[in-house]
């Protein structure tokens, strides 16, 4: 299901989001419109940093500065929506090709 096409008159107490091949930045507006309170997102840097960032043969990102900058930009975009960051942590499970992914837990103000 494409979140951008999902319509609901209701809002939800908890939103979880795990997407691939699209940047979460492009979905924040849609998530915000559906969320009442809690938001849990899986941030996958390999789909957030853009195509020009250095990767190994398997597609694993090799530019820690680019990952950090992208995460900071993501956090700023969420803060602009009024979301309060309660927790973030690395996932104990790496992405399919071995990329480190991150959970974000927000409360919507």
PDB file of N, CA and C in Angstrom:
ATOM      1  N   UNK A   1       0.842  -1.179   0.000  1.00  0.00           N
ATOM      2  CA  UNK A   1       0.000   0.000   0.000  1.00  0.00           C
ATOM      3  C   UNK A   1       0.886   1.241   0.000  1.00  0.00           C
ATOM      4  N   UNK A   2       0.534   2.194  -0.808  1.00  0.00           N
ATOM      5  CA  UNK A   2       1.257   3.459  -0.865  1.00  0.00           C
ATOM      6  C   UNK A   2       0.612   4.422   0.127  1.00  0.00           C
ATOM      7  N   UNK A   3       1.359   4.787   1.142  1.00  0.00           N
ATOM      8  CA  UNK A   3       0.842   5.673   2.188  1.00  0.00           C
ATOM      9  C   UNK A   3       0.301   6.979   1.613  1.00  0.00           C
ATOM     10  N   UNK A   4       0.903   7.453   0.543  1.00  0.00           N
ATOM     11  CA  UNK A   4       0.475   8.724  -0.046  1.00  0.00           C
ATOM     12  C   UNK A   4      -0.936   8.642  -0.617  1.00  0.00           C
ATOM     13  N   UNK A   5      -1.400   7.430  -0.900  1.00  0.00           N
ATOM     14  CA  UNK A   5      -2.749   7.246  -1.454  1.00  0.00           C
ATOM     15  C   UNK A   5      -3.753   6.808  -0.387  1.00  0.00           C
ATOM     16  N   UNK A   6      -3.284   6.566   0.835  1.00  0.00           N
ATOM     17  CA  UNK A   6      -4.154   6.095   1.912  1.00  0.00           C
ATOM     18  C   UNK A   6      -4.970   7.261   2.459  1.00  0.00           C
ATOM     19  N   UNK A   7      -6.266   7.086   2.516  1.00  0.00           N
ATOM     20  CA  UNK A   7      -7.164   8.125   3.031  1.00  0.00           C
ATOM     21  C   UNK A   7      -7.920   7.580   4.238  1.00  0.00           C
ATOM     22  N   UNK A   8      -8.049   8.397   5.265  1.00  0.00           N
ATOM     23  CA  UNK A   8      -8.787   8.001   6.455  1.00  0.00           C
ATOM     24  C   UNK A   8      -9.357   9.246   7.127  1.00  0.00           C
ATOM     25  N   UNK A   9     -10.601   9.151   7.532  1.00  0.00           N
ATOM     26  CA  UNK A   9     -11.214  10.229   8.312  1.00  0.00           C
ATOM     27  C   UNK A   9     -10.720  10.174   9.753  1.00  0.00           C
ATOM     28  N   UNK A  10     -10.312   8.982  10.182  1.00  0.00           N
ATOM     29  CA  UNK A  10      -9.818   8.780  11.543  1.00  0.00           C
ATOM     30  C   UNK A  10      -8.335   9.085  11.623  1.00  0.00           C
ATOM     31  N   UNK A  11      -7.906   9.444  12.826  1.00  0.00           N
ATOM     32  CA  UNK A  11      -6.483   9.513  13.128  1.00  0.00           C
ATOM     33  C   UNK A  11      -6.175   8.348  14.056  1.00  0.00           C
ATOM     34  N   UNK A  12      -4.909   7.991  14.148  1.00  0.00           N
ATOM     35  CA  UNK A  12      -4.513   6.797  14.872  1.00  0.00           C
ATOM     36  C   UNK A  12      -3.605   7.146  16.043  1.00  0.00           C
ATOM     37  N   UNK A  13      -3.824   6.453  17.172  1.00  0.00           N
ATOM     38  CA  UNK A  13      -3.017   6.664  18.380  1.00  0.00           C
ATOM     39  C   UNK A  13      -1.550   6.330  18.139  1.00  0.00           C
ATOM     40  N   UNK A  14      -1.306   5.307  17.333  1.00  0.00           N
ATOM     41  CA  UNK A  14       0.055   4.845  17.061  1.00  0.00           C
ATOM     42  C   UNK A  14       0.222   4.628  15.568  1.00  0.00           C
ATOM     43  N   UNK A  15       1.285   5.198  15.027  1.00  0.00           N
ATOM     44  CA  UNK A  15       1.667   4.978  13.633  1.00  0.00           C
ATOM     45  C   UNK A  15       3.036   4.311  13.644  1.00  0.00           C
ATOM     46  N   UNK A  16       3.185   3.239  12.880  1.00  0.00           N
ATOM     47  CA  UNK A  16       4.495   2.637  12.653  1.00  0.00           C
ATOM     48  C   UNK A  16       4.766   2.690  11.155  1.00  0.00           C
ATOM     49  N   UNK A  17       6.028   2.855  10.807  1.00  0.00           N
ATOM     50  CA  UNK A  17       6.355   2.979   9.387  1.00  0.00           C
ATOM     51  C   UNK A  17       7.710   2.338   9.104  1.00  0.00           C
ATOM     52  N   UNK A  18       7.711   1.396   8.174  1.00  0.00           N
ATOM     53  CA  UNK A  18       8.916   0.720   7.698  1.00  0.00           C
ATOM     54  C   UNK A  18       8.786   0.655   6.184  1.00  0.00           C
ATOM     55  N   UNK A  19       9.482   1.544   5.487  1.00  0.00           N
ATOM     56  CA  UNK A  19       9.365   1.609   4.030  1.00  0.00           C
ATOM     57  C   UNK A  19      10.733   1.434   3.377  1.00  0.00           C
ATOM     58  N   UNK A  20      10.704   1.024   2.120  1.00  0.00           N
ATOM     59  CA  UNK A  20      11.920   0.865   1.332  1.00  0.00           C
ATOM     60  C   UNK A  20      11.750   1.562  -0.005  1.00  0.00           C
ATOM     61  N   UNK A  21      12.868   1.969  -0.571  1.00  0.00           N
ATOM     62  CA  UNK A  21      12.925   2.577  -1.901  1.00  0.00           C
ATOM     63  C   UNK A  21      12.221   3.928  -1.982  1.00  0.00           C
ATOM     64  N   UNK A  22      11.980   4.548  -0.830  1.00  0.00           N
ATOM     65  CA  UNK A  22      11.444   5.909  -0.763  1.00  0.00           C
ATOM     66  C   UNK A  22      11.978   6.541   0.523  1.00  0.00           C
ATOM     67  N   UNK A  23      12.222   7.827   0.473  1.00  0.00           N
ATOM     68  CA  UNK A  23      12.699   8.538   1.646  1.00  0.00           C
ATOM     69  C   UNK A  23      11.542   8.808   2.608  1.00  0.00           C
ATOM     70  N   UNK A  24      11.798   8.601   3.887  1.00  0.00           N
ATOM     71  CA  UNK A  24      10.793   8.946   4.899  1.00  0.00           C
ATOM     72  C   UNK A  24      10.442  10.432   4.855  1.00  0.00           C
ATOM     73  N   UNK A  25      11.394  11.264   4.480  1.00  0.00           N
ATOM     74  CA  UNK A  25      11.140  12.710   4.381  1.00  0.00           C
ATOM     75  C   UNK A  25       9.921  12.969   3.500  1.00  0.00           C
ATOM     76  N   UNK A  26       9.783  12.183   2.435  1.00  0.00           N
ATOM     77  CA  UNK A  26       8.662  12.356   1.505  1.00  0.00           C
ATOM     78  C   UNK A  26       7.331  11.901   2.087  1.00  0.00           C
ATOM     79  N   UNK A  27       7.366  11.218   3.220  1.00  0.00           N
ATOM     80  CA  UNK A  27       6.145  10.676   3.819  1.00  0.00           C
ATOM     81  C   UNK A  27       5.734  11.376   5.109  1.00  0.00           C
ATOM     82  N   UNK A  28       6.569  12.256   5.629  1.00  0.00           N
ATOM     83  CA  UNK A  28       6.291  12.862   6.935  1.00  0.00           C
ATOM     84  C   UNK A  28       4.954  13.588   6.976  1.00  0.00           C
ATOM     85  N   UNK A  29       4.616  14.313   5.945  1.00  0.00           N
ATOM     86  CA  UNK A  29       3.335  15.028   5.886  1.00  0.00           C
ATOM     87  C   UNK A  29       2.168  14.048   6.028  1.00  0.00           C
ATOM     88  N   UNK A  30       2.239  12.927   5.331  1.00  0.00           N
ATOM     89  CA  UNK A  30       1.160  11.932   5.353  1.00  0.00           C
ATOM     90  C   UNK A  30       1.073  11.251   6.718  1.00  0.00           C
ATOM     91  N   UNK A  31       2.223  10.951   7.291  1.00  0.00           N
ATOM     92  CA  UNK A  31       2.252  10.358   8.628  1.00  0.00           C
ATOM     93  C   UNK A  31       1.664  11.341   9.640  1.00  0.00           C
ATOM     94  N   UNK A  32       2.068  12.592   9.542  1.00  0.00           N
ATOM     95  CA  UNK A  32       1.582  13.618  10.464  1.00  0.00           C
ATOM     96  C   UNK A  32       0.062  13.753  10.398  1.00  0.00           C
ATOM     97  N   UNK A  33      -0.499  13.666   9.214  1.00  0.00           N
ATOM     98  CA  UNK A  33      -1.952  13.786   9.045  1.00  0.00           C
ATOM     99  C   UNK A  33      -2.720  12.607   9.629  1.00  0.00           C
ATOM    100  N   UNK A  34      -2.067  11.473   9.794  1.00  0.00           N
ATOM    101  CA  UNK A  34      -2.732  10.281  10.327  1.00  0.00           C
ATOM    102  C   UNK A  34      -2.495  10.083  11.823  1.00  0.00           C
ATOM    103  N   UNK A  35      -1.458  10.724  12.357  1.00  0.00           N
ATOM    104  CA  UNK A  35      -1.029  10.452  13.731  1.00  0.00           C
ATOM    105  C   UNK A  35      -1.726  11.341  14.751  1.00  0.00           C
ATOM    106  N   UNK A  36      -2.157  10.708  15.846  1.00  0.00           N
ATOM    107  CA  UNK A  36      -2.660  11.454  16.999  1.00  0.00           C
ATOM    108  C   UNK A  36      -1.570  11.649  18.042  1.00  0.00           C
ATOM    109  N   UNK A  37      -0.795  10.588  18.298  1.00  0.00           N
ATOM    110  CA  UNK A  37       0.115  10.661  19.433  1.00  0.00           C
ATOM    111  C   UNK A  37       1.491  10.063  19.165  1.00  0.00           C
ATOM    112  N   UNK A  38       1.584   8.754  19.010  1.00  0.00           N
ATOM    113  CA  UNK A  38       2.879   8.086  18.946  1.00  0.00           C
ATOM    114  C   UNK A  38       3.241   7.702  17.510  1.00  0.00           C
ATOM    115  N   UNK A  39       4.534   7.850  17.204  1.00  0.00           N
ATOM    116  CA  UNK A  39       5.034   7.546  15.868  1.00  0.00           C
ATOM    117  C   UNK A  39       6.349   6.785  16.020  1.00  0.00           C
ATOM    118  N   UNK A  40       6.407   5.607  15.427  1.00  0.00           N
ATOM    119  CA  UNK A  40       7.631   4.807  15.432  1.00  0.00           C
ATOM    120  C   UNK A  40       8.037   4.583  13.978  1.00  0.00           C
ATOM    121  N   UNK A  41       9.256   5.007  13.655  1.00  0.00           N
ATOM    122  CA  UNK A  41       9.736   4.944  12.281  1.00  0.00           C
ATOM    123  C   UNK A  41      11.037   4.155  12.210  1.00  0.00           C
ATOM    124  N   UNK A  42      11.214   3.415  11.133  1.00  0.00           N
ATOM    125  CA  UNK A  42      12.491   2.763  10.862  1.00  0.00           C
ATOM    126  C   UNK A  42      13.190   3.581   9.781  1.00  0.00           C
ATOM    127  N   UNK A  43      14.261   4.234  10.173  1.00  0.00           N
ATOM    128  CA  UNK A  43      15.039   5.103   9.289  1.00  0.00           C
ATOM    129  C   UNK A  43      16.105   4.262   8.611  1.00  0.00           C
ATOM    130  N   UNK A  44      16.057   4.214   7.285  1.00  0.00           N
ATOM    131  CA  UNK A  44      16.987   3.410   6.496  1.00  0.00           C
ATOM    132  C   UNK A  44      17.875   4.355   5.686  1.00  0.00           C
ATOM    133  N   UNK A  45      19.082   4.619   6.177  1.00  0.00           N
ATOM    134  CA  UNK A  45      19.945   5.595   5.511  1.00  0.00           C
ATOM    135  C   UNK A  45      20.171   5.315   4.026  1.00  0.00           C
ATOM    136  N   UNK A  46      20.183   4.058   3.648  1.00  0.00           N
ATOM    137  CA  UNK A  46      20.438   3.722   2.249  1.00  0.00           C
ATOM    138  C   UNK A  46      19.378   4.292   1.310  1.00  0.00           C
ATOM    139  N   UNK A  47      18.189   4.616   1.831  1.00  0.00           N
ATOM    140  CA  UNK A  47      17.131   5.216   1.018  1.00  0.00           C
ATOM    141  C   UNK A  47      16.968   6.711   1.293  1.00  0.00           C
ATOM    142  N   UNK A  48      17.808   7.248   2.159  1.00  0.00           N
ATOM    143  CA  UNK A  48      17.683   8.649   2.563  1.00  0.00           C
ATOM    144  C   UNK A  48      18.809   9.537   2.037  1.00  0.00           C
ATOM    145  N   UNK A  49      20.005   8.995   1.883  1.00  0.00           N
ATOM    146  CA  UNK A  49      21.183   9.827   1.589  1.00  0.00           C
ATOM    147  C   UNK A  49      21.316  10.249   0.130  1.00  0.00           C
ATOM    148  N   UNK A  50      20.613   9.623  -0.759  1.00  0.00           N
ATOM    149  CA  UNK A  50      20.770   9.915  -2.179  1.00  0.00           C
ATOM    150  C   UNK A  50      21.697   8.908  -2.842  1.00  0.00           C
ATOM    151  N   UNK A  51      21.758   8.974  -4.138  1.00  0.00           N
ATOM    152  CA  UNK A  51      22.488   7.963  -4.909  1.00  0.00           C
ATOM    153  C   UNK A  51      23.979   8.237  -5.041  1.00  0.00           C
ATOM    154  N   UNK A  52      24.429   9.443  -4.774  1.00  0.00           N
ATOM    155  CA  UNK A  52      25.829   9.803  -5.011  1.00  0.00           C
ATOM    156  C   UNK A  52      26.747   9.543  -3.824  1.00  0.00           C
ATOM    157  N   UNK A  53      26.236   8.936  -2.779  1.00  0.00           N
ATOM    158  CA  UNK A  53      27.037   8.670  -1.583  1.00  0.00           C
ATOM    159  C   UNK A  53      27.779   7.345  -1.758  1.00  0.00           C
ATOM    160  N   UNK A  54      29.035   7.311  -1.294  1.00  0.00           N
ATOM    161  CA  UNK A  54      29.902   6.139  -1.456  1.00  0.00           C
ATOM    162  C   UNK A  54      29.300   4.903  -0.788  1.00  0.00           C
ATOM    163  N   UNK A  55      29.310   3.800  -1.552  1.00  0.00           N
ATOM    164  CA  UNK A  55      28.807   2.510  -1.079  1.00  0.00           C
ATOM    165  C   UNK A  55      29.785   1.416  -1.486  1.00  0.00           C
ATOM    166  N   UNK A  56      29.720   0.287  -0.781  1.00  0.00           N
ATOM    167  CA  UNK A  56      30.535  -0.845  -1.216  1.00  0.00           C
ATOM    168  C   UNK A  56      29.791  -1.612  -2.312  1.00  0.00           C
ATOM    169  N   UNK A  57      30.347  -2.734  -2.745  1.00  0.00           N
ATOM    170  CA  UNK A  57      29.758  -3.513  -3.848  1.00  0.00           C
ATOM    171  C   UNK A  57      28.357  -4.023  -3.543  1.00  0.00           C
ATOM    172  N   UNK A  58      28.062  -4.219  -2.260  1.00  0.00           N
ATOM    173  CA  UNK A  58      26.735  -4.724  -1.872  1.00  0.00           C
ATOM    174  C   UNK A  58      25.724  -3.601  -1.642  1.00  0.00           C
ATOM    175  N   UNK A  59      26.174  -2.362  -1.702  1.00  0.00           N
ATOM    176  CA  UNK A  59      25.273  -1.235  -1.489  1.00  0.00           C
ATOM    177  C   UNK A  59      25.298  -0.681  -0.078  1.00  0.00           C
ATOM    178  N   UNK A  60      26.231  -1.175   0.746  1.00  0.00           N
ATOM    179  CA  UNK A  60      26.334  -0.696   2.126  1.00  0.00           C
ATOM    180  C   UNK A  60      27.010   0.674   2.122  1.00  0.00           C
ATOM    181  N   UNK A  61      26.388   1.624   2.779  1.00  0.00           N
ATOM    182  CA  UNK A  61      26.910   2.990   2.840  1.00  0.00           C
ATOM    183  C   UNK A  61      28.252   3.034   3.552  1.00  0.00           C
ATOM    184  N   UNK A  62      29.166   3.852   3.020  1.00  0.00           N
ATOM    185  CA  UNK A  62      30.508   3.974   3.586  1.00  0.00           C
ATOM    186  C   UNK A  62      30.830   5.389   4.063  1.00  0.00           C
ATOM    187  N   UNK A  63      29.872   6.302   3.977  1.00  0.00           N
ATOM    188  CA  UNK A  63      30.100   7.701   4.328  1.00  0.00           C
ATOM    189  C   UNK A  63      29.334   8.044   5.609  1.00  0.00           C
ATOM    190  N   UNK A  64      30.012   7.866   6.750  1.00  0.00           N
ATOM    191  CA  UNK A  64      29.367   8.106   8.046  1.00  0.00           C
ATOM    192  C   UNK A  64      28.922   9.558   8.216  1.00  0.00           C
ATOM    193  N   UNK A  65      29.670  10.503   7.653  1.00  0.00           N
ATOM    194  CA  UNK A  65      29.288  11.917   7.757  1.00  0.00           C
ATOM    195  C   UNK A  65      27.982  12.181   7.018  1.00  0.00           C
ATOM    196  N   UNK A  66      27.828  11.568   5.850  1.00  0.00           N
ATOM    197  CA  UNK A  66      26.590  11.745   5.075  1.00  0.00           C
ATOM    198  C   UNK A  66      25.405  11.140   5.824  1.00  0.00           C
ATOM    199  N   UNK A  67      25.633   9.999   6.456  1.00  0.00           N
ATOM    200  CA  UNK A  67      24.566   9.355   7.231  1.00  0.00           C
ATOM    201  C   UNK A  67      24.163  10.261   8.393  1.00  0.00           C
ATOM    202  N   UNK A  68      25.144  10.777   9.123  1.00  0.00           N
ATOM    203  CA  UNK A  68      24.861  11.646  10.267  1.00  0.00           C
ATOM    204  C   UNK A  68      24.122  12.911   9.826  1.00  0.00           C
ATOM    205  N   UNK A  69      24.573  13.538   8.745  1.00  0.00           N
ATOM    206  CA  UNK A  69      23.911  14.745   8.252  1.00  0.00           C
ATOM    207  C   UNK A  69      22.471  14.446   7.854  1.00  0.00           C
ATOM    208  N   UNK A  70      22.258  13.333   7.186  1.00  0.00           N
ATOM    209  CA  UNK A  70      20.914  12.966   6.754  1.00  0.00           C
ATOM    210  C   UNK A  70      20.016  12.699   7.956  1.00  0.00           C
ATOM    211  N   UNK A  71      20.555  12.048   8.971  1.00  0.00           N
ATOM    212  CA  UNK A  71      19.773  11.813  10.186  1.00  0.00           C
ATOM    213  C   UNK A  71      19.421  13.136  10.866  1.00  0.00           C
ATOM    214  N   UNK A  72      20.374  14.047  10.926  1.00  0.00           N
ATOM    215  CA  UNK A  72      20.109  15.349  11.551  1.00  0.00           C
ATOM    216  C   UNK A  72      19.050  16.128  10.762  1.00  0.00           C
ATOM    217  N   UNK A  73      19.139  16.091   9.444  1.00  0.00           N
ATOM    218  CA  UNK A  73      18.132  16.760   8.605  1.00  0.00           C
ATOM    219  C   UNK A  73      16.751  16.146   8.824  1.00  0.00           C
ATOM    220  N   UNK A  74      16.713  14.829   8.942  1.00  0.00           N
ATOM    221  CA  UNK A  74      15.461  14.121   9.196  1.00  0.00           C
ATOM    222  C   UNK A  74      14.875  14.545  10.545  1.00  0.00           C
ATOM    223  N   UNK A  75      15.712  14.582  11.568  1.00  0.00           N
ATOM    224  CA  UNK A  75      15.254  14.976  12.900  1.00  0.00           C
ATOM    225  C   UNK A  75      14.724  16.413  12.899  1.00  0.00           C
ATOM    226  N   UNK A  76      15.372  17.303  12.158  1.00  0.00           N
ATOM    227  CA  UNK A  76      14.905  18.693  12.057  1.00  0.00           C
ATOM    228  C   UNK A  76      13.547  18.758  11.364  1.00  0.00           C
ATOM    229  N   UNK A  77      13.374  17.965  10.312  1.00  0.00           N
ATOM    230  CA  UNK A  77      12.090  17.949   9.594  1.00  0.00           C
ATOM    231  C   UNK A  77      10.970  17.462  10.505  1.00  0.00           C
ATOM    232  N   UNK A  78      11.256  16.459  11.323  1.00  0.00           N
ATOM    233  CA  UNK A  78      10.252  15.950  12.266  1.00  0.00           C
ATOM    234  C   UNK A  78       9.939  16.998  13.334  1.00  0.00           C
ATOM    235  N   UNK A  79      10.961  17.682  13.815  1.00  0.00           N
ATOM    236  CA  UNK A  79      10.764  18.727  14.829  1.00  0.00           C
ATOM    237  C   UNK A  79       9.908  19.866  14.276  1.00  0.00           C
ATOM    238  N   UNK A  80      10.073  20.202  13.001  1.00  0.00           N
ATOM    239  CA  UNK A  80       9.264  21.262  12.384  1.00  0.00           C
ATOM    240  C   UNK A  80       7.782  20.912  12.382  1.00  0.00           C
ATOM    241  N   UNK A  81       7.481  19.617  12.397  1.00  0.00           N
ATOM    242  CA  UNK A  81       6.088  19.174  12.459  1.00  0.00           C
ATOM    243  C   UNK A  81       5.555  19.186  13.889  1.00  0.00           C
ATOM    244  N   UNK A  82       6.430  19.497  14.850  1.00  0.00           N
ATOM    245  CA  UNK A  82       6.018  19.521  16.244  1.00  0.00           C
ATOM    246  C   UNK A  82       6.166  18.177  16.931  1.00  0.00           C
ATOM    247  N   UNK A  83       6.925  17.284  16.321  1.00  0.00           N
ATOM    248  CA  UNK A  83       7.132  15.972  16.919  1.00  0.00           C
ATOM    249  C   UNK A  83       8.262  16.059  17.939  1.00  0.00           C
ATOM    250  N   UNK A  84       8.062  15.433  19.088  1.00  0.00           N
ATOM    251  CA  UNK A  84       9.063  15.399  20.145  1.00  0.00           C
ATOM    252  C   UNK A  84       9.784  14.055  20.098  1.00  0.00           C
ATOM    253  N   UNK A  85      11.096  14.093  19.883  1.00  0.00           N
ATOM    254  CA  UNK A  85      11.885  12.865  19.820  1.00  0.00           C
ATOM    255  C   UNK A  85      12.054  12.307  21.228  1.00  0.00           C
ATOM    256  N   UNK A  86      11.540  11.111  21.449  1.00  0.00           N
ATOM    257  CA  UNK A  86      11.635  10.464  22.760  1.00  0.00           C
ATOM    258  C   UNK A  86      12.785   9.466  22.819  1.00  0.00           C
ATOM    259  N   UNK A  87      13.085   8.826  21.676  1.00  0.00           N
ATOM    260  CA  UNK A  87      14.153   7.830  21.675  1.00  0.00           C
ATOM    261  C   UNK A  87      14.575   7.536  20.243  1.00  0.00           C
ATOM    262  N   UNK A  88      15.831   7.239  20.082  1.00  0.00           N
ATOM    263  CA  UNK A  88      16.345   6.716  18.823  1.00  0.00           C
ATOM    264  C   UNK A  88      17.423   5.699  19.158  1.00  0.00           C
ATOM    265  N   UNK A  89      17.475   4.637  18.376  1.00  0.00           N
ATOM    266  CA  UNK A  89      18.503   3.626  18.596  1.00  0.00           C
ATOM    267  C   UNK A  89      18.725   2.826  17.329  1.00  0.00           C
ATOM    268  N   UNK A  90      19.931   2.267  17.239  1.00  0.00           N
ATOM    269  CA  UNK A  90      20.240   1.393  16.114  1.00  0.00           C
ATOM    270  C   UNK A  90      19.389   0.141  16.207  1.00  0.00           C
ATOM    271  N   UNK A  91      18.958  -0.333  15.062  1.00  0.00           N
ATOM    272  CA  UNK A  91      18.259  -1.612  15.014  1.00  0.00           C
ATOM    273  C   UNK A  91      19.280  -2.721  15.243  1.00  0.00           C
ATOM    274  N   UNK A  92      18.893  -3.741  15.975  1.00  0.00           N
ATOM    275  CA  UNK A  92      19.788  -4.881  16.189  1.00  0.00           C
ATOM    276  C   UNK A  92      19.893  -5.747  14.933  1.00  0.00           C
ATOM    277  N   UNK A  93      18.995  -5.512  13.991  1.00  0.00           N
ATOM    278  CA  UNK A  93      19.001  -6.245  12.724  1.00  0.00           C
ATOM    279  C   UNK A  93      19.413  -5.271  11.628  1.00  0.00           C
ATOM    280  N   UNK A  94      20.427  -5.638  10.868  1.00  0.00           N
ATOM    281  CA  UNK A  94      20.859  -4.789   9.759  1.00  0.00           C
ATOM    282  C   UNK A  94      19.931  -4.978   8.570  1.00  0.00           C
ATOM    283  N   UNK A  95      19.971  -4.011   7.662  1.00  0.00           N
ATOM    284  CA  UNK A  95      19.196  -4.104   6.430  1.00  0.00           C
ATOM    285  C   UNK A  95      19.656  -5.280   5.584  1.00  0.00           C
ATOM    286  N   UNK A  96      18.899  -5.586   4.566  1.00  0.00           N
ATOM    287  CA  UNK A  96      19.141  -6.754   3.715  1.00  0.00           C
ATOM    288  C   UNK A  96      20.594  -6.867   3.249  1.00  0.00           C
ATOM    289  N   UNK A  97      21.191  -5.757   2.860  1.00  0.00           N
ATOM    290  CA  UNK A  97      22.565  -5.773   2.350  1.00  0.00           C
ATOM    291  C   UNK A  97      23.601  -5.485   3.429  1.00  0.00           C
ATOM    292  N   UNK A  98      23.141  -5.195   4.655  1.00  0.00           N
ATOM    293  CA  UNK A  98      24.067  -4.965   5.755  1.00  0.00           C
ATOM    294  C   UNK A  98      24.128  -3.541   6.267  1.00  0.00           C
ATOM    295  N   UNK A  99      23.263  -2.659   5.768  1.00  0.00           N
ATOM    296  CA  UNK A  99      23.238  -1.282   6.252  1.00  0.00           C
ATOM    297  C   UNK A  99      22.675  -1.208   7.668  1.00  0.00           C
ATOM    298  N   UNK A 100      23.250  -0.314   8.467  1.00  0.00           N
ATOM    299  CA  UNK A 100      22.730  -0.056   9.809  1.00  0.00           C
ATOM    300  C   UNK A 100      21.502   0.833   9.671  1.00  0.00           C
ATOM    301  N   UNK A 101      20.424   0.452  10.353  1.00  0.00           N
ATOM    302  CA  UNK A 101      19.170   1.198  10.315  1.00  0.00           C
ATOM    303  C   UNK A 101      18.828   1.642  11.734  1.00  0.00           C
ATOM    304  N   UNK A 102      17.946   2.628  11.846  1.00  0.00           N
ATOM    305  CA  UNK A 102      17.679   3.263  13.134  1.00  0.00           C
ATOM    306  C   UNK A 102      16.185   3.379  13.393  1.00  0.00           C
ATOM    307  N   UNK A 103      15.807   3.082  14.628  1.00  0.00           N
ATOM    308  CA  UNK A 103      14.431   3.319  15.059  1.00  0.00           C
ATOM    309  C   UNK A 103      14.329   4.723  15.643  1.00  0.00           C
ATOM    310  N   UNK A 104      13.216   5.372  15.358  1.00  0.00           N
ATOM    311  CA  UNK A 104      12.886   6.666  15.942  1.00  0.00           C
ATOM    312  C   UNK A 104      11.518   6.552  16.596  1.00  0.00           C
ATOM    313  N   UNK A 105      11.431   7.069  17.819  1.00  0.00           N
ATOM    314  CA  UNK A 105      10.159   7.097  18.540  1.00  0.00           C
ATOM    315  C   UNK A 105       9.834   8.553  18.856  1.00  0.00           C
ATOM    316  N   UNK A 106       8.712   9.011  18.317  1.00  0.00           N
ATOM    317  CA  UNK A 106       8.266  10.387  18.496  1.00  0.00           C
ATOM    318  C   UNK A 106       6.907  10.431  19.176  1.00  0.00           C
ATOM    319  N   UNK A 107       6.675  11.521  19.876  1.00  0.00           N
ATOM    320  CA  UNK A 107       5.357  11.874  20.388  1.00  0.00           C
ATOM    321  C   UNK A 107       4.942  13.138  19.644  1.00  0.00           C
ATOM    322  N   UNK A 108       3.732  13.123  19.138  1.00  0.00           N
ATOM    323  CA  UNK A 108       3.233  14.290  18.413  1.00  0.00           C
ATOM    324  C   UNK A 108       2.651  15.286  19.409  1.00  0.00           C
ATOM    325  N   UNK A 109       3.098  16.534  19.331  1.00  0.00           N
ATOM    326  CA  UNK A 109       2.579  17.590  20.214  1.00  0.00           C
ATOM    327  C   UNK A 109       1.248  18.091  19.713  1.00  0.00           C
TER     328      UNK A 109
END
